[in-house]
Each structure stands twice: as C-alpha cells, then as structure tokens.
PDB file of N, CA and C in Angstrom:
ATOM      1  N   MET A   1     -41.052  10.069 -12.179  1.00  0.00           N
ATOM      2  CA  MET A   1     -40.166  10.491 -11.094  1.00  0.00           C
ATOM      3  C   MET A   1     -39.583   9.278 -10.422  1.00  0.00           C
ATOM      4  N   THR A   2     -40.344   8.263 -10.204  1.00  0.00           N
ATOM      5  CA  THR A   2     -39.792   7.056  -9.551  1.00  0.00           C
ATOM      6  C   THR A   2     -38.724   6.381 -10.369  1.00  0.00           C
ATOM      7  N   LEU A   3     -38.800   6.477 -11.681  1.00  0.00           N
ATOM      8  CA  LEU A   3     -37.721   5.950 -12.530  1.00  0.00           C
ATOM      9  C   LEU A   3     -36.375   6.658 -12.289  1.00  0.00           C
ATOM     10  N   ALA A   4     -36.469   7.980 -12.171  1.00  0.00           N
ATOM     11  CA  ALA A   4     -35.261   8.770 -11.853  1.00  0.00           C
ATOM     12  C   ALA A   4     -34.692   8.387 -10.488  1.00  0.00           C
ATOM     13  N   ARG A   5     -35.557   8.206  -9.494  1.00  0.00           N
ATOM     14  CA  ARG A   5     -35.127   7.821  -8.154  1.00  0.00           C
ATOM     15  C   ARG A   5     -34.445   6.470  -8.116  1.00  0.00           C
ATOM     16  N   ASN A   6     -35.101   5.530  -8.832  1.00  0.00           N
ATOM     17  CA  ASN A   6     -34.550   4.150  -8.895  1.00  0.00           C
ATOM     18  C   ASN A   6     -33.204   4.198  -9.585  1.00  0.00           C
ATOM     19  N   ALA A   7     -33.046   4.981 -10.632  1.00  0.00           N
ATOM     20  CA  ALA A   7     -31.753   5.078 -11.325  1.00  0.00           C
ATOM     21  C   ALA A   7     -30.677   5.655 -10.401  1.00  0.00           C
ATOM     22  N   ALA A   8     -31.114   6.656  -9.640  1.00  0.00           N
ATOM     23  CA  ALA A   8     -30.179   7.307  -8.722  1.00  0.00           C
ATOM     24  C   ALA A   8     -29.735   6.299  -7.620  1.00  0.00           C
ATOM     25  N   VAL A   9     -30.612   5.489  -7.097  1.00  0.00           N
ATOM     26  CA  VAL A   9     -30.307   4.487  -6.134  1.00  0.00           C
ATOM     27  C   VAL A   9     -29.357   3.414  -6.690  1.00  0.00           C
ATOM     28  N   VAL A  10     -29.603   3.046  -7.921  1.00  0.00           N
ATOM     29  CA  VAL A  10     -28.739   2.034  -8.574  1.00  0.00           C
ATOM     30  C   VAL A  10     -27.327   2.575  -8.778  1.00  0.00           C
ATOM     31  N   LEU A  11     -27.279   3.868  -9.178  1.00  0.00           N
ATOM     32  CA  LEU A  11     -25.934   4.524  -9.370  1.00  0.00           C
ATOM     33  C   LEU A  11     -25.203   4.692  -8.080  1.00  0.00           C
ATOM     34  N   LEU A  12     -25.889   5.029  -7.000  1.00  0.00           N
ATOM     35  CA  LEU A  12     -25.262   5.119  -5.716  1.00  0.00           C
ATOM     36  C   LEU A  12     -24.764   3.775  -5.194  1.00  0.00           C
ATOM     37  N   ALA A  13     -25.567   2.767  -5.456  1.00  0.00           N
ATOM     38  CA  ALA A  13     -25.150   1.368  -5.027  1.00  0.00           C
ATOM     39  C   ALA A  13     -23.855   0.937  -5.795  1.00  0.00           C
ATOM     40  N   LEU A  14     -23.822   1.207  -7.060  1.00  0.00           N
ATOM     41  CA  LEU A  14     -22.638   0.879  -7.840  1.00  0.00           C
ATOM     42  C   LEU A  14     -21.417   1.673  -7.417  1.00  0.00           C
ATOM     43  N   ALA A  15     -21.582   2.990  -7.065  1.00  0.00           N
ATOM     44  CA  ALA A  15     -20.476   3.778  -6.656  1.00  0.00           C
ATOM     45  C   ALA A  15     -19.968   3.240  -5.245  1.00  0.00           C
ATOM     46  N   ALA A  16     -20.900   2.866  -4.350  1.00  0.00           N
ATOM     47  CA  ALA A  16     -20.489   2.354  -3.118  1.00  0.00           C
ATOM     48  C   ALA A  16     -19.747   1.012  -3.292  1.00  0.00           C
ATOM     49  N   GLY A  17     -20.152   0.223  -4.175  1.00  0.00           N
ATOM     50  CA  GLY A  17     -19.520  -1.079  -4.429  1.00  0.00           C
ATOM     51  C   GLY A  17     -18.088  -0.895  -4.921  1.00  0.00           C
ATOM     52  N   SER A  18     -17.920   0.108  -5.815  1.00  0.00           N
ATOM     53  CA  SER A  18     -16.506   0.318  -6.333  1.00  0.00           C
ATOM     54  C   SER A  18     -15.628   0.936  -5.235  1.00  0.00           C
ATOM     55  N   ALA A  19     -16.166   1.647  -4.426  1.00  0.00           N
ATOM     56  CA  ALA A  19     -15.445   2.303  -3.267  1.00  0.00           C
ATOM     57  C   ALA A  19     -14.952   1.228  -2.288  1.00  0.00           C
ATOM     58  N   LEU A  20     -15.812   0.204  -2.037  1.00  0.00           N
ATOM     59  CA  LEU A  20     -15.368  -0.867  -1.126  1.00  0.00           C
ATOM     60  C   LEU A  20     -14.217  -1.641  -1.702  1.00  0.00           C
ATOM     61  N   GLY A  21     -14.091  -1.726  -3.034  1.00  0.00           N
ATOM     62  CA  GLY A  21     -12.971  -2.450  -3.668  1.00  0.00           C
ATOM     63  C   GLY A  21     -11.635  -1.712  -3.441  1.00  0.00           C
ATOM     64  N   GLN A  22     -11.649  -0.484  -3.018  1.00  0.00           N
ATOM     65  CA  GLN A  22     -10.437   0.304  -2.909  1.00  0.00           C
ATOM     66  C   GLN A  22     -10.030   0.486  -1.398  1.00  0.00           C
ATOM     67  N   LEU A  23     -10.628  -0.315  -0.515  1.00  0.00           N
ATOM     68  CA  LEU A  23     -10.244  -0.182   0.894  1.00  0.00           C
ATOM     69  C   LEU A  23      -8.768  -0.610   1.063  1.00  0.00           C
ATOM     70  N   ARG A  24      -8.029  -0.054   1.967  1.00  0.00           N
ATOM     71  CA  ARG A  24      -6.640  -0.341   2.183  1.00  0.00           C
ATOM     72  C   ARG A  24      -6.566  -1.527   3.151  1.00  0.00           C
ATOM     73  N   THR A  25      -6.007  -2.612   2.731  1.00  0.00           N
ATOM     74  CA  THR A  25      -5.848  -3.780   3.579  1.00  0.00           C
ATOM     75  C   THR A  25      -4.377  -4.079   3.694  1.00  0.00           C
ATOM     76  N   VAL A  26      -3.766  -3.650   4.792  1.00  0.00           N
ATOM     77  CA  VAL A  26      -2.398  -3.985   5.104  1.00  0.00           C
ATOM     78  C   VAL A  26      -2.409  -5.179   6.015  1.00  0.00           C
ATOM     79  N   PRO A  27      -1.695  -6.241   5.667  1.00  0.00           N
ATOM     80  CA  PRO A  27      -1.670  -7.395   6.469  1.00  0.00           C
ATOM     81  C   PRO A  27      -1.089  -7.073   7.888  1.00  0.00           C
ATOM     82  N   ALA A  28      -1.778  -7.448   8.893  1.00  0.00           N
ATOM     83  CA  ALA A  28      -1.333  -7.152  10.294  1.00  0.00           C
ATOM     84  C   ALA A  28      -0.043  -7.847  10.595  1.00  0.00           C
ATOM     85  N   ASP A  29       0.213  -8.994  10.005  1.00  0.00           N
ATOM     86  CA  ASP A  29       1.451  -9.746  10.318  1.00  0.00           C
ATOM     87  C   ASP A  29       2.641  -9.350   9.417  1.00  0.00           C
ATOM     88  N   ALA A  30       2.413  -8.375   8.520  1.00  0.00           N
ATOM     89  CA  ALA A  30       3.524  -7.948   7.666  1.00  0.00           C
ATOM     90  C   ALA A  30       4.592  -7.266   8.486  1.00  0.00           C
ATOM     91  N   PRO A  31       5.873  -7.574   8.192  1.00  0.00           N
ATOM     92  CA  PRO A  31       6.978  -6.859   8.906  1.00  0.00           C
ATOM     93  C   PRO A  31       6.914  -5.323   8.641  1.00  0.00           C
ATOM     94  N   ARG A  32       7.474  -4.630   9.601  1.00  0.00           N
ATOM     95  CA  ARG A  32       7.474  -3.166   9.530  1.00  0.00           C
ATOM     96  C   ARG A  32       8.911  -2.648   9.500  1.00  0.00           C
ATOM     97  N   GLY A  33       9.134  -1.629   8.758  1.00  0.00           N
ATOM     98  CA  GLY A  33      10.541  -1.083   8.731  1.00  0.00           C
ATOM     99  C   GLY A  33      10.536   0.272   8.103  1.00  0.00           C
ATOM    100  N   GLU A  34      11.790   0.877   8.261  1.00  0.00           N
ATOM    101  CA  GLU A  34      11.989   2.205   7.549  1.00  0.00           C
ATOM    102  C   GLU A  34      12.482   1.884   6.134  1.00  0.00           C
ATOM    103  N   VAL A  35      11.796   2.473   5.188  1.00  0.00           N
ATOM    104  CA  VAL A  35      12.129   2.189   3.776  1.00  0.00           C
ATOM    105  C   VAL A  35      12.629   3.401   2.999  1.00  0.00           C
ATOM    106  N   ARG A  36      13.603   3.200   2.168  1.00  0.00           N
ATOM    107  CA  ARG A  36      14.077   4.286   1.268  1.00  0.00           C
ATOM    108  C   ARG A  36      14.458   3.636  -0.026  1.00  0.00           C
ATOM    109  N   HIS A  37      14.422   4.482  -1.125  1.00  0.00           N
ATOM    110  CA  HIS A  37      14.833   4.011  -2.441  1.00  0.00           C
ATOM    111  C   HIS A  37      16.350   4.136  -2.593  1.00  0.00           C
ATOM    112  N   VAL A  38      16.968   3.070  -3.114  1.00  0.00           N
ATOM    113  CA  VAL A  38      18.462   3.109  -3.268  1.00  0.00           C
ATOM    114  C   VAL A  38      18.766   3.485  -4.739  1.00  0.00           C
ATOM    115  N   ARG A  39      18.324   2.633  -5.652  1.00  0.00           N
ATOM    116  CA  ARG A  39      18.506   2.832  -7.076  1.00  0.00           C
ATOM    117  C   ARG A  39      17.673   1.803  -7.838  1.00  0.00           C
ATOM    118  N   GLY A  40      17.165   2.205  -8.997  1.00  0.00           N
ATOM    119  CA  GLY A  40      16.438   1.240  -9.850  1.00  0.00           C
ATOM    120  C   GLY A  40      15.302   0.558  -9.059  1.00  0.00           C
ATOM    121  N   MET A  41      15.375  -0.789  -9.005  1.00  0.00           N
ATOM    122  CA  MET A  41      14.459  -1.622  -8.313  1.00  0.00           C
ATOM    123  C   MET A  41      14.980  -2.136  -7.015  1.00  0.00           C
ATOM    124  N   THR A  42      15.919  -1.376  -6.456  1.00  0.00           N
ATOM    125  CA  THR A  42      16.508  -1.718  -5.139  1.00  0.00           C
ATOM    126  C   THR A  42      16.055  -0.680  -4.113  1.00  0.00           C
ATOM    127  N   ILE A  43      15.501  -1.166  -2.948  1.00  0.00           N
ATOM    128  CA  ILE A  43      15.194  -0.366  -1.820  1.00  0.00           C
ATOM    129  C   ILE A  43      15.960  -0.844  -0.623  1.00  0.00           C
ATOM    130  N   ALA A  44      15.971  -0.033   0.399  1.00  0.00           N
ATOM    131  CA  ALA A  44      16.603  -0.403   1.657  1.00  0.00           C
ATOM    132  C   ALA A  44      15.530  -0.433   2.766  1.00  0.00           C
ATOM    133  N   ILE A  45      15.514  -1.529   3.484  1.00  0.00           N
ATOM    134  CA  ILE A  45      14.579  -1.676   4.620  1.00  0.00           C
ATOM    135  C   ILE A  45      15.401  -1.769   5.894  1.00  0.00           C
ATOM    136  N   ASP A  46      15.272  -0.807   6.771  1.00  0.00           N
ATOM    137  CA  ASP A  46      16.121  -0.752   7.982  1.00  0.00           C
ATOM    138  C   ASP A  46      17.571  -0.848   7.641  1.00  0.00           C
ATOM    139  N   GLY A  47      17.978  -0.245   6.554  1.00  0.00           N
ATOM    140  CA  GLY A  47      19.348  -0.190   6.117  1.00  0.00           C
ATOM    141  C   GLY A  47      19.863  -1.336   5.306  1.00  0.00           C
ATOM    142  N   ALA A  48      19.103  -2.427   5.202  1.00  0.00           N
ATOM    143  CA  ALA A  48      19.464  -3.602   4.431  1.00  0.00           C
ATOM    144  C   ALA A  48      18.886  -3.509   3.009  1.00  0.00           C
ATOM    145  N   GLU A  49      19.723  -3.568   2.003  1.00  0.00           N
ATOM    146  CA  GLU A  49      19.208  -3.500   0.637  1.00  0.00           C
ATOM    147  C   GLU A  49      18.391  -4.725   0.262  1.00  0.00           C
ATOM    148  N   ARG A  50      17.276  -4.498  -0.388  1.00  0.00           N
ATOM    149  CA  ARG A  50      16.404  -5.560  -0.868  1.00  0.00           C
ATOM    150  C   ARG A  50      15.965  -5.251  -2.292  1.00  0.00           C
ATOM    151  N   GLN A  51      15.783  -6.310  -3.060  1.00  0.00           N
ATOM    152  CA  GLN A  51      15.400  -6.217  -4.460  1.00  0.00           C
ATOM    153  C   GLN A  51      13.860  -6.198  -4.502  1.00  0.00           C
ATOM    154  N   LEU A  52      13.267  -5.373  -5.319  1.00  0.00           N
ATOM    155  CA  LEU A  52      11.840  -5.451  -5.589  1.00  0.00           C
ATOM    156  C   LEU A  52      11.517  -6.542  -6.570  1.00  0.00           C
ATOM    157  N   ALA A  53      10.502  -7.294  -6.368  1.00  0.00           N
ATOM    158  CA  ALA A  53      10.129  -8.351  -7.238  1.00  0.00           C
ATOM    159  C   ALA A  53       9.521  -7.798  -8.549  1.00  0.00           C
ATOM    160  N   PRO A  54       9.566  -8.513  -9.617  1.00  0.00           N
ATOM    161  CA  PRO A  54       8.924  -7.991 -10.847  1.00  0.00           C
ATOM    162  C   PRO A  54       7.445  -7.798 -10.563  1.00  0.00           C
ATOM    163  N   GLY A  55       6.901  -6.619 -10.932  1.00  0.00           N
ATOM    164  CA  GLY A  55       5.534  -6.299 -10.713  1.00  0.00           C
ATOM    165  C   GLY A  55       5.195  -5.879  -9.341  1.00  0.00           C
ATOM    166  N   ALA A  56       6.189  -5.608  -8.462  1.00  0.00           N
ATOM    167  CA  ALA A  56       5.983  -5.118  -7.109  1.00  0.00           C
ATOM    168  C   ALA A  56       5.191  -3.908  -7.089  1.00  0.00           C
ATOM    169  N   GLN A  57       4.395  -3.769  -6.029  1.00  0.00           N
ATOM    170  CA  GLN A  57       3.554  -2.517  -5.846  1.00  0.00           C
ATOM    171  C   GLN A  57       3.965  -1.845  -4.591  1.00  0.00           C
ATOM    172  N   ILE A  58       4.130  -0.574  -4.721  1.00  0.00           N
ATOM    173  CA  ILE A  58       4.388   0.338  -3.523  1.00  0.00           C
ATOM    174  C   ILE A  58       3.249   1.283  -3.489  1.00  0.00           C
ATOM    175  N   ARG A  59       2.548   1.233  -2.313  1.00  0.00           N
ATOM    176  CA  ARG A  59       1.388   2.081  -2.132  1.00  0.00           C
ATOM    177  C   ARG A  59       1.715   3.194  -1.118  1.00  0.00           C
ATOM    178  N   ASN A  60       1.397   4.416  -1.452  1.00  0.00           N
ATOM    179  CA  ASN A  60       1.633   5.512  -0.484  1.00  0.00           C
ATOM    180  C   ASN A  60       0.519   5.542   0.574  1.00  0.00           C
ATOM    181  N   ALA A  61       0.508   6.559   1.395  1.00  0.00           N
ATOM    182  CA  ALA A  61      -0.450   6.665   2.483  1.00  0.00           C
ATOM    183  C   ALA A  61      -1.852   6.868   1.964  1.00  0.00           C
ATOM    184  N   ALA A  62      -2.003   7.429   0.717  1.00  0.00           N
ATOM    185  CA  ALA A  62      -3.268   7.607   0.115  1.00  0.00           C
ATOM    186  C   ALA A  62      -3.723   6.378  -0.679  1.00  0.00           C
ATOM    187  N   ASN A  63      -2.987   5.256  -0.574  1.00  0.00           N
ATOM    188  CA  ASN A  63      -3.222   3.986  -1.209  1.00  0.00           C
ATOM    189  C   ASN A  63      -3.040   4.031  -2.701  1.00  0.00           C
ATOM    190  N   LEU A  64      -2.285   4.997  -3.221  1.00  0.00           N
ATOM    191  CA  LEU A  64      -2.012   5.100  -4.649  1.00  0.00           C
ATOM    192  C   LEU A  64      -0.705   4.369  -4.920  1.00  0.00           C
ATOM    193  N   ILE A  65      -0.589   3.739  -6.066  1.00  0.00           N
ATOM    194  CA  ILE A  65       0.656   3.072  -6.448  1.00  0.00           C
ATOM    195  C   ILE A  65       1.722   4.065  -6.914  1.00  0.00           C
ATOM    196  N   ILE A  66       2.872   4.019  -6.355  1.00  0.00           N
ATOM    197  CA  ILE A  66       3.900   4.977  -6.688  1.00  0.00           C
ATOM    198  C   ILE A  66       5.210   4.196  -7.139  1.00  0.00           C
ATOM    199  N   VAL A  67       6.045   4.892  -7.886  1.00  0.00           N
ATOM    200  CA  VAL A  67       7.325   4.300  -8.274  1.00  0.00           C
ATOM    201  C   VAL A  67       8.298   4.348  -7.114  1.00  0.00           C
ATOM    202  N   PRO A  68       9.289   3.495  -7.155  1.00  0.00           N
ATOM    203  CA  PRO A  68      10.230   3.356  -6.068  1.00  0.00           C
ATOM    204  C   PRO A  68      10.885   4.727  -5.733  1.00  0.00           C
ATOM    205  N   SER A  69      11.251   5.440  -6.747  1.00  0.00           N
ATOM    206  CA  SER A  69      11.952   6.785  -6.563  1.00  0.00           C
ATOM    207  C   SER A  69      11.055   7.846  -5.840  1.00  0.00           C
ATOM    208  N   ALA A  70       9.770   7.538  -5.682  1.00  0.00           N
ATOM    209  CA  ALA A  70       8.842   8.467  -4.994  1.00  0.00           C
ATOM    210  C   ALA A  70       8.707   8.167  -3.592  1.00  0.00           C
ATOM    211  N   ILE A  71       9.412   7.144  -3.120  1.00  0.00           N
ATOM    212  CA  ILE A  71       9.372   6.814  -1.618  1.00  0.00           C
ATOM    213  C   ILE A  71      10.036   8.007  -0.846  1.00  0.00           C
ATOM    214  N   PRO A  72       9.326   8.610   0.070  1.00  0.00           N
ATOM    215  CA  PRO A  72       9.958   9.682   0.835  1.00  0.00           C
ATOM    216  C   PRO A  72      11.088   9.125   1.692  1.00  0.00           C
ATOM    217  N   GLU A  73      12.108   9.969   1.964  1.00  0.00           N
ATOM    218  CA  GLU A  73      13.237   9.538   2.782  1.00  0.00           C
ATOM    219  C   GLU A  73      12.759   9.152   4.161  1.00  0.00           C
ATOM    220  N   GLY A  74      13.159   7.939   4.683  1.00  0.00           N
ATOM    221  CA  GLY A  74      12.824   7.496   6.036  1.00  0.00           C
ATOM    222  C   GLY A  74      11.393   7.145   6.258  1.00  0.00           C
ATOM    223  N   ALA A  75      10.705   6.748   5.234  1.00  0.00           N
ATOM    224  CA  ALA A  75       9.324   6.448   5.343  1.00  0.00           C
ATOM    225  C   ALA A  75       9.125   5.098   6.105  1.00  0.00           C
ATOM    226  N   LEU A  76       8.117   5.080   6.979  1.00  0.00           N
ATOM    227  CA  LEU A  76       7.795   3.889   7.763  1.00  0.00           C
ATOM    228  C   LEU A  76       6.788   3.080   6.915  1.00  0.00           C
ATOM    229  N   ALA A  77       7.027   1.792   6.764  1.00  0.00           N
ATOM    230  CA  ALA A  77       6.204   0.952   5.909  1.00  0.00           C
ATOM    231  C   ALA A  77       6.033  -0.425   6.446  1.00  0.00           C
ATOM    232  N   LYS A  78       5.082  -1.182   5.887  1.00  0.00           N
ATOM    233  CA  LYS A  78       4.990  -2.594   6.126  1.00  0.00           C
ATOM    234  C   LYS A  78       5.197  -3.192   4.721  1.00  0.00           C
ATOM    235  N   TYR A  79       5.659  -4.428   4.683  1.00  0.00           N
ATOM    236  CA  TYR A  79       6.021  -5.010   3.408  1.00  0.00           C
ATOM    237  C   TYR A  79       5.796  -6.557   3.400  1.00  0.00           C
ATOM    238  N   VAL A  80       5.726  -7.164   2.269  1.00  0.00           N
ATOM    239  CA  VAL A  80       5.545  -8.578   2.073  1.00  0.00           C
ATOM    240  C   VAL A  80       6.585  -8.984   1.087  1.00  0.00           C
ATOM    241  N   VAL A  81       7.231 -10.110   1.369  1.00  0.00           N
ATOM    242  CA  VAL A  81       8.215 -10.664   0.410  1.00  0.00           C
ATOM    243  C   VAL A  81       7.662 -11.977  -0.193  1.00  0.00           C
ATOM    244  N   ASP A  82       8.184 -12.292  -1.382  1.00  0.00           N
ATOM    245  CA  ASP A  82       7.724 -13.488  -2.061  1.00  0.00           C
ATOM    246  C   ASP A  82       8.591 -14.727  -1.668  1.00  0.00           C
ATOM    247  N   ALA A  83       8.429 -15.862  -2.285  1.00  0.00           N
ATOM    248  CA  ALA A  83       9.135 -17.035  -1.943  1.00  0.00           C
ATOM    249  C   ALA A  83      10.599 -16.946  -2.215  1.00  0.00           C
ATOM    250  N   ASP A  84      10.993 -16.041  -3.108  1.00  0.00           N
ATOM    251  CA  ASP A  84      12.420 -15.845  -3.464  1.00  0.00           C
ATOM    252  C   ASP A  84      13.076 -14.787  -2.528  1.00  0.00           C
ATOM    253  N   GLY A  85      12.320 -14.227  -1.575  1.00  0.00           N
ATOM    254  CA  GLY A  85      12.892 -13.195  -0.724  1.00  0.00           C
ATOM    255  C   GLY A  85      12.834 -11.823  -1.290  1.00  0.00           C
ATOM    256  N   MET A  86      12.212 -11.643  -2.509  1.00  0.00           N
ATOM    257  CA  MET A  86      12.106 -10.295  -3.105  1.00  0.00           C
ATOM    258  C   MET A  86      10.896  -9.633  -2.496  1.00  0.00           C
ATOM    259  N   VAL A  87      10.928  -8.280  -2.358  1.00  0.00           N
ATOM    260  CA  VAL A  87       9.829  -7.465  -1.812  1.00  0.00           C
ATOM    261  C   VAL A  87       8.763  -7.413  -2.838  1.00  0.00           C
ATOM    262  N   ARG A  88       7.552  -7.900  -2.547  1.00  0.00           N
ATOM    263  CA  ARG A  88       6.476  -7.917  -3.513  1.00  0.00           C
ATOM    264  C   ARG A  88       5.491  -6.814  -3.333  1.00  0.00           C
ATOM    265  N   GLN A  89       5.282  -6.382  -2.096  1.00  0.00           N
ATOM    266  CA  GLN A  89       4.259  -5.275  -1.804  1.00  0.00           C
ATOM    267  C   GLN A  89       4.841  -4.427  -0.649  1.00  0.00           C
ATOM    268  N   VAL A  90       4.604  -3.147  -0.744  1.00  0.00           N
ATOM    269  CA  VAL A  90       5.045  -2.150   0.211  1.00  0.00           C
ATOM    270  C   VAL A  90       3.854  -1.213   0.454  1.00  0.00           C
ATOM    271  N   TRP A  91       3.526  -0.983   1.710  1.00  0.00           N
ATOM    272  CA  TRP A  91       2.527   0.043   2.078  1.00  0.00           C
ATOM    273  C   TRP A  91       3.204   1.051   3.009  1.00  0.00           C
ATOM    274  N   LEU A  92       3.299   2.257   2.492  1.00  0.00           N
ATOM    275  CA  LEU A  92       3.825   3.379   3.252  1.00  0.00           C
ATOM    276  C   LEU A  92       2.681   3.715   4.274  1.00  0.00           C
ATOM    277  N   LEU A  93       3.062   3.791   5.545  1.00  0.00           N
ATOM    278  CA  LEU A  93       2.111   3.932   6.637  1.00  0.00           C
ATOM    279  C   LEU A  93       1.574   5.390   6.762  1.00  0.00           C
ATOM    280  N   THR A  94       0.309   5.494   7.076  1.00  0.00           N
ATOM    281  CA  THR A  94      -0.218   6.839   7.394  1.00  0.00           C
ATOM    282  C   THR A  94       0.237   7.168   8.836  1.00  0.00           C
ATOM    283  N   PRO A  95       0.248   8.391   9.236  1.00  0.00           N
ATOM    284  CA  PRO A  95       0.619   8.745  10.640  1.00  0.00           C
ATOM    285  C   PRO A  95      -0.158   7.919  11.680  1.00  0.00           C
ATOM    286  N   GLN A  96      -1.422   7.721  11.419  1.00  0.00           N
ATOM    287  CA  GLN A  96      -2.259   6.899  12.349  1.00  0.00           C
ATOM    288  C   GLN A  96      -1.800   5.454  12.457  1.00  0.00           C
ATOM    289  N   GLU A  97      -1.439   4.856  11.224  1.00  0.00           N
ATOM    290  CA  GLU A  97      -0.922   3.458  11.238  1.00  0.00           C
ATOM    291  C   GLU A  97       0.421   3.412  11.879  1.00  0.00           C
ATOM    292  N   ALA A  98       1.217   4.370  11.616  1.00  0.00           N
ATOM    293  CA  ALA A  98       2.618   4.380  12.190  1.00  0.00           C
ATOM    294  C   ALA A  98       2.600   4.524  13.719  1.00  0.00           C
ATOM    295  N   SER A  99       1.618   5.225  14.262  1.00  0.00           N
ATOM    296  CA  SER A  99       1.512   5.426  15.697  1.00  0.00           C
ATOM    297  C   SER A  99       1.016   4.184  16.438  1.00  0.00           C
ATOM    298  N   GLN A 100       0.469   3.201  15.759  1.00  0.00           N
ATOM    299  CA  GLN A 100      -0.036   2.001  16.402  1.00  0.00           C
ATOM    300  C   GLN A 100       1.128   1.057  16.634  1.00  0.00           C
ATOM    301  N   PRO A 101       1.118   0.298  17.703  1.00  0.00           N
ATOM    302  CA  PRO A 101       2.237  -0.666  17.953  1.00  0.00           C
ATOM    303  C   PRO A 101       2.219  -1.706  16.915  1.00  0.00           C
ATOM    304  N   ASP A 102       3.448  -2.253  16.647  1.00  0.00           N
ATOM    305  CA  ASP A 102       3.596  -3.325  15.645  1.00  0.00           C
ATOM    306  C   ASP A 102       3.064  -4.585  16.278  1.00  0.00           C
ATOM    307  N   LYS A 103       2.160  -5.267  15.538  1.00  0.00           N
ATOM    308  CA  LYS A 103       1.517  -6.434  16.041  1.00  0.00           C
ATOM    309  C   LYS A 103       2.341  -7.708  15.920  1.00  0.00           C
ATOM    310  N   ARG A 104       3.496  -7.599  15.358  1.00  0.00           N
ATOM    311  CA  ARG A 104       4.407  -8.826  15.227  1.00  0.00           C
ATOM    312  C   ARG A 104       5.101  -9.121  16.447  1.00  0.00           C
TER     313      ARG A 104
END
C-alpha cells in the first residue's frame, strides 16, 4: 500500500510541476493596445498596421496559442516587439487583466 501512495505522490508532484510551466506571464512593461487582424501576418494595434515577426505567438485569454485570424474584433492586448519593430508576442487580456490600470 505504501508503494501505491508513494507512486501517487510522485505523479501529483510531476503534474504540479508541469502546471507551473504553463503559468501566464505577461510582461508588466509591455505596451497595451486594441488589436485586430488585418490580413495574413498583418495586425493593427490602435489602428496602426504592424507586421508579425516570423514565429510570432498570439495567446488568447486562456493562454492558448491562436492564429492571427482568430483575434476577436477590438480585443485589448499587451504585446512585445523585436529589434526590427515586428510584433513578436501578443497576449489577449482577460477581463480581469483589462480592468487593471496600464502600468506603463
């Protein structure tokens, strides 16, 4: 019986470790804006068209990676640009994140 308990504890510890790896970490200093998909790899942030970088990730409020065309109209997001000015990462904000004041 103790072997089964030990195995269960080990499995729970492994599951907890993998869950920690999926925490949503949105940089506090990332700019914030209203995002929408324009076409292909082009999005608009606050009305200004921006190109997505190769390999760019867009994460929805559930922290799942989505394609640019799945961005809901008028979504509020935080984003990070690369050295070339291309958008590298986008986080669509949850209602709770959107209600907090912008820390920039």
